[in-house]
Amino acid sequence: MKRFLININTGVSTLIVLLLIFYATLSPNPFHLSESTKLFPGADKIVHLIMFMTLTISALFDYSKKTFPHHLKIKITTALIAGCIVIGGLIEILQEFLTASRSGNFLDFYADIAGILIGLLLYKFFIEKYIREVLKSNRKRNTK
């Protein structure tokens, strides 16, 4: 699995996550749940949080692969985070004006932002170190 993630072209994982988010948020019933299926209140907010946390981690991962062995630059990281926030807002606007079965919601947008911030913190404090070790070992293996 490590090799797959390292060898996949830069940007592909983020593009896949982004396409899945657009499908999940703009489709009338993306998970084909019946009308009688009731999730707990606020379940959609948790889904938004997880989707945007995943998007953020994926974008930071792709950027790390591109810039290794250098660390993430603050300007680029800020631009990636701002881009994720814009995507969250755009999705809420699209839900409001382009779908009949969905509506834009500020609470969903706030959940998106919370997911982005959690993704950033998880990446910076836990995932980045692991990714750098994997990239370093992959680089050593390729130079032999």
C-alpha atoms as a PDB file:
ATOM      1  CA  MET A   1       0.000   0.000   0.000  1.00  0.00           C
ATOM      2  CA  LYS A   2       2.861   2.380   0.828  1.00  0.00           C
ATOM      3  CA  ARG A   3       4.431   1.878  -2.584  1.00  0.00           C
ATOM      4  CA  PHE A   4       1.116   2.454  -4.321  1.00  0.00           C
ATOM      5  CA  LEU A   5       0.574   5.780  -2.561  1.00  0.00           C
ATOM      6  CA  ILE A   6       4.137   6.890  -3.186  1.00  0.00           C
ATOM      7  CA  ASN A   7       4.181   5.843  -6.837  1.00  0.00           C
ATOM      8  CA  ILE A   8       0.789   7.251  -7.819  1.00  0.00           C
ATOM      9  CA  ASN A   9       1.185  10.437  -9.862  1.00  0.00           C
ATOM     10  CA  THR A  10       1.151  13.658  -7.892  1.00  0.00           C
ATOM     11  CA  GLY A  11      -2.333  15.133  -7.758  1.00  0.00           C
ATOM     12  CA  VAL A  12      -4.198  11.952  -8.634  1.00  0.00           C
ATOM     13  CA  SER A  13      -5.192  11.098  -5.068  1.00  0.00           C
ATOM     14  CA  THR A  14      -6.461  14.640  -4.472  1.00  0.00           C
ATOM     15  CA  LEU A  15      -8.391  14.567  -7.753  1.00  0.00           C
ATOM     16  CA  ILE A  16     -10.032  11.251  -6.815  1.00  0.00           C
ATOM     17  CA  VAL A  17     -11.029  12.568  -3.374  1.00  0.00           C
ATOM     18  CA  LEU A  18     -12.346  15.776  -4.949  1.00  0.00           C
ATOM     19  CA  LEU A  19     -14.450  13.875  -7.500  1.00  0.00           C
ATOM     20  CA  LEU A  20     -15.881  11.661  -4.748  1.00  0.00           C
ATOM     21  CA  ILE A  21     -16.765  14.740  -2.692  1.00  0.00           C
ATOM     22  CA  PHE A  22     -18.522  16.381  -5.638  1.00  0.00           C
ATOM     23  CA  TYR A  23     -20.428  13.157  -6.329  1.00  0.00           C
ATOM     24  CA  ALA A  24     -21.405  12.694  -2.670  1.00  0.00           C
ATOM     25  CA  THR A  25     -22.521  16.287  -2.198  1.00  0.00           C
ATOM     26  CA  LEU A  26     -24.249  17.011  -5.499  1.00  0.00           C
ATOM     27  CA  SER A  27     -25.978  13.688  -6.270  1.00  0.00           C
ATOM     28  CA  PRO A  28     -29.601  13.358  -5.143  1.00  0.00           C
ATOM     29  CA  ASN A  29     -28.973  10.126  -3.206  1.00  0.00           C
ATOM     30  CA  PRO A  30     -25.317   9.134  -3.591  1.00  0.00           C
ATOM     31  CA  PHE A  31     -25.422   6.232  -1.142  1.00  0.00           C
ATOM     32  CA  HIS A  32     -28.797   4.925  -2.328  1.00  0.00           C
ATOM     33  CA  LEU A  33     -30.332   5.104   1.134  1.00  0.00           C
ATOM     34  CA  SER A  34     -34.040   4.454   1.381  1.00  0.00           C
ATOM     35  CA  GLU A  35     -36.332   7.162   2.713  1.00  0.00           C
ATOM     36  CA  SER A  36     -36.894   5.077   5.854  1.00  0.00           C
ATOM     37  CA  THR A  37     -33.170   5.000   6.667  1.00  0.00           C
ATOM     38  CA  LYS A  38     -32.638   7.599   9.352  1.00  0.00           C
ATOM     39  CA  LEU A  39     -29.183   8.457  10.562  1.00  0.00           C
ATOM     40  CA  PHE A  40     -28.619  10.278  13.832  1.00  0.00           C
ATOM     41  CA  PRO A  41     -29.037  14.063  13.882  1.00  0.00           C
ATOM     42  CA  GLY A  42     -25.916  15.783  12.607  1.00  0.00           C
ATOM     43  CA  ALA A  43     -24.634  12.735  10.724  1.00  0.00           C
ATOM     44  CA  ASP A  44     -24.267  14.803   7.562  1.00  0.00           C
ATOM     45  CA  LYS A  45     -22.025  17.254   9.433  1.00  0.00           C
ATOM     46  CA  ILE A  46     -19.699  14.416  10.414  1.00  0.00           C
ATOM     47  CA  VAL A  47     -19.651  13.238   6.798  1.00  0.00           C
ATOM     48  CA  HIS A  48     -18.716  16.753   5.648  1.00  0.00           C
ATOM     49  CA  LEU A  49     -15.984  16.940   8.291  1.00  0.00           C
ATOM     50  CA  ILE A  50     -14.511  13.581   7.207  1.00  0.00           C
ATOM     51  CA  MET A  51     -14.694  14.401   3.494  1.00  0.00           C
ATOM     52  CA  PHE A  52     -12.850  17.696   3.869  1.00  0.00           C
ATOM     53  CA  MET A  53     -10.355  16.300   6.355  1.00  0.00           C
ATOM     54  CA  THR A  54      -9.538  13.658   3.734  1.00  0.00           C
ATOM     55  CA  LEU A  55      -9.291  16.269   0.975  1.00  0.00           C
ATOM     56  CA  THR A  56      -6.880  18.367   3.039  1.00  0.00           C
ATOM     57  CA  ILE A  57      -4.666  15.433   3.970  1.00  0.00           C
ATOM     58  CA  SER A  58      -4.623  14.271   0.354  1.00  0.00           C
ATOM     59  CA  ALA A  59      -3.680  17.731  -0.961  1.00  0.00           C
ATOM     60  CA  LEU A  60      -0.909  18.111   1.631  1.00  0.00           C
ATOM     61  CA  PHE A  61       0.338  14.597   0.854  1.00  0.00           C
ATOM     62  CA  ASP A  62       0.492  15.347  -2.865  1.00  0.00           C
ATOM     63  CA  TYR A  63       2.319  18.595  -2.219  1.00  0.00           C
ATOM     64  CA  SER A  64       4.778  16.822   0.126  1.00  0.00           C
ATOM     65  CA  LYS A  65       5.575  14.254  -2.566  1.00  0.00           C
ATOM     66  CA  LYS A  66       6.275  17.038  -5.029  1.00  0.00           C
ATOM     67  CA  THR A  67       8.567  19.051  -2.727  1.00  0.00           C
ATOM     68  CA  PHE A  68      10.382  16.249  -0.869  1.00  0.00           C
ATOM     69  CA  PRO A  69      12.957  16.485   0.768  1.00  0.00           C
ATOM     70  CA  HIS A  70      11.927  20.060   1.576  1.00  0.00           C
ATOM     71  CA  HIS A  71       9.246  20.789   4.144  1.00  0.00           C
ATOM     72  CA  LEU A  72       5.894  22.314   3.289  1.00  0.00           C
ATOM     73  CA  LYS A  73       6.098  26.040   2.595  1.00  0.00           C
ATOM     74  CA  ILE A  74       3.695  28.168   4.629  1.00  0.00           C
ATOM     75  CA  LYS A  75       2.454  30.147   1.594  1.00  0.00           C
ATOM     76  CA  ILE A  76       1.641  27.016  -0.398  1.00  0.00           C
ATOM     77  CA  THR A  77       0.059  25.322   2.610  1.00  0.00           C
ATOM     78  CA  THR A  78      -2.088  28.407   3.189  1.00  0.00           C
ATOM     79  CA  ALA A  79      -3.106  28.413  -0.482  1.00  0.00           C
ATOM     80  CA  LEU A  80      -4.050  24.713  -0.305  1.00  0.00           C
ATOM     81  CA  ILE A  81      -6.130  25.297   2.827  1.00  0.00           C
ATOM     82  CA  ALA A  82      -7.794  28.356   1.260  1.00  0.00           C
ATOM     83  CA  GLY A  83      -8.530  26.295  -1.857  1.00  0.00           C
ATOM     84  CA  CYS A  84     -10.205  23.594   0.223  1.00  0.00           C
ATOM     85  CA  ILE A  85     -12.317  26.235   1.992  1.00  0.00           C
ATOM     86  CA  VAL A  86     -13.345  27.750  -1.360  1.00  0.00           C
ATOM     87  CA  ILE A  87     -14.335  24.295  -2.617  1.00  0.00           C
ATOM     88  CA  GLY A  88     -16.480  23.794   0.500  1.00  0.00           C
ATOM     89  CA  GLY A  89     -18.226  27.120  -0.076  1.00  0.00           C
ATOM     90  CA  LEU A  90     -18.652  26.437  -3.785  1.00  0.00           C
ATOM     91  CA  ILE A  91     -20.287  23.091  -3.052  1.00  0.00           C
ATOM     92  CA  GLU A  92     -22.803  24.734  -0.720  1.00  0.00           C
ATOM     93  CA  ILE A  93     -23.616  27.343  -3.377  1.00  0.00           C
ATOM     94  CA  LEU A  94     -23.993  24.631  -6.042  1.00  0.00           C
ATOM     95  CA  GLN A  95     -26.260  22.620  -3.728  1.00  0.00           C
ATOM     96  CA  GLU A  96     -28.450  25.650  -3.197  1.00  0.00           C
ATOM     97  CA  PHE A  97     -28.801  26.736  -6.805  1.00  0.00           C
ATOM     98  CA  LEU A  98     -28.150  23.718  -9.037  1.00  0.00           C
ATOM     99  CA  THR A  99     -29.801  20.789  -7.268  1.00  0.00           C
ATOM    100  CA  ALA A 100     -33.456  20.176  -6.584  1.00  0.00           C
ATOM    101  CA  SER A 101     -32.913  17.664  -3.783  1.00  0.00           C
ATOM    102  CA  ARG A 102     -30.172  19.498  -1.856  1.00  0.00           C
ATOM    103  CA  SER A 103     -29.824  22.853  -0.190  1.00  0.00           C
ATOM    104  CA  GLY A 104     -26.827  24.911   0.841  1.00  0.00           C
ATOM    105  CA  ASN A 105     -26.223  25.062   4.569  1.00  0.00           C
ATOM    106  CA  PHE A 106     -23.856  27.228   6.606  1.00  0.00           C
ATOM    107  CA  LEU A 107     -23.493  24.459   9.195  1.00  0.00           C
ATOM    108  CA  ASP A 108     -22.254  22.109   6.461  1.00  0.00           C
ATOM    109  CA  PHE A 109     -19.740  24.764   5.421  1.00  0.00           C
ATOM    110  CA  TYR A 110     -18.581  25.136   9.038  1.00  0.00           C
ATOM    111  CA  ALA A 111     -18.206  21.341   9.223  1.00  0.00           C
ATOM    112  CA  ASP A 112     -16.114  21.520   6.034  1.00  0.00           C
ATOM    113  CA  ILE A 113     -13.848  24.134   7.631  1.00  0.00           C
ATOM    114  CA  ALA A 114     -13.560  22.082  10.829  1.00  0.00           C
ATOM    115  CA  GLY A 115     -12.564  19.045   8.749  1.00  0.00           C
ATOM    116  CA  ILE A 116      -9.968  21.111   6.884  1.00  0.00           C
ATOM    117  CA  LEU A 117      -8.428  22.355  10.131  1.00  0.00           C
ATOM    118  CA  ILE A 118      -8.438  18.881  11.684  1.00  0.00           C
ATOM    119  CA  GLY A 119      -6.842  17.485   8.517  1.00  0.00           C
ATOM    120  CA  LEU A 120      -4.142  20.160   8.648  1.00  0.00           C
ATOM    121  CA  LEU A 121      -3.380  19.420  12.310  1.00  0.00           C
ATOM    122  CA  LEU A 122      -3.364  15.658  11.793  1.00  0.00           C
ATOM    123  CA  TYR A 123      -1.057  16.020   8.826  1.00  0.00           C
ATOM    124  CA  LYS A 124       1.382  18.410  10.497  1.00  0.00           C
ATOM    125  CA  PHE A 125       1.608  16.571  13.817  1.00  0.00           C
ATOM    126  CA  PHE A 126       1.251  12.912  12.841  1.00  0.00           C
ATOM    127  CA  ILE A 127       1.116  12.049   9.156  1.00  0.00           C
ATOM    128  CA  GLU A 128       3.892  14.259   7.765  1.00  0.00           C
ATOM    129  CA  LYS A 129       6.606  12.522   9.785  1.00  0.00           C
ATOM    130  CA  TYR A 130       5.482   9.109   8.563  1.00  0.00           C
ATOM    131  CA  ILE A 131       5.218  10.299   4.932  1.00  0.00           C
ATOM    132  CA  ARG A 132       8.715  11.779   5.059  1.00  0.00           C
ATOM    133  CA  GLU A 133      10.131   8.502   6.395  1.00  0.00           C
ATOM    134  CA  VAL A 134       8.424   6.532   3.632  1.00  0.00           C
ATOM    135  CA  LEU A 135       9.610   8.968   0.963  1.00  0.00           C
ATOM    136  CA  LYS A 136      13.138   8.861   2.369  1.00  0.00           C
ATOM    137  CA  SER A 137      13.250   5.053   2.354  1.00  0.00           C
ATOM    138  CA  ASN A 138      11.779   5.009  -1.162  1.00  0.00           C
ATOM    139  CA  ARG A 139      14.449   7.444  -2.334  1.00  0.00           C
ATOM    140  CA  LYS A 140      17.217   5.286  -0.823  1.00  0.00           C
ATOM    141  CA  ARG A 141      15.781   2.181  -2.488  1.00  0.00           C
ATOM    142  CA  ASN A 142      15.659   3.952  -5.882  1.00  0.00           C
ATOM    143  CA  THR A 143      19.262   5.182  -5.642  1.00  0.00           C
ATOM    144  CA  LYS A 144      20.687   1.702  -5.057  1.00  0.00           C
END
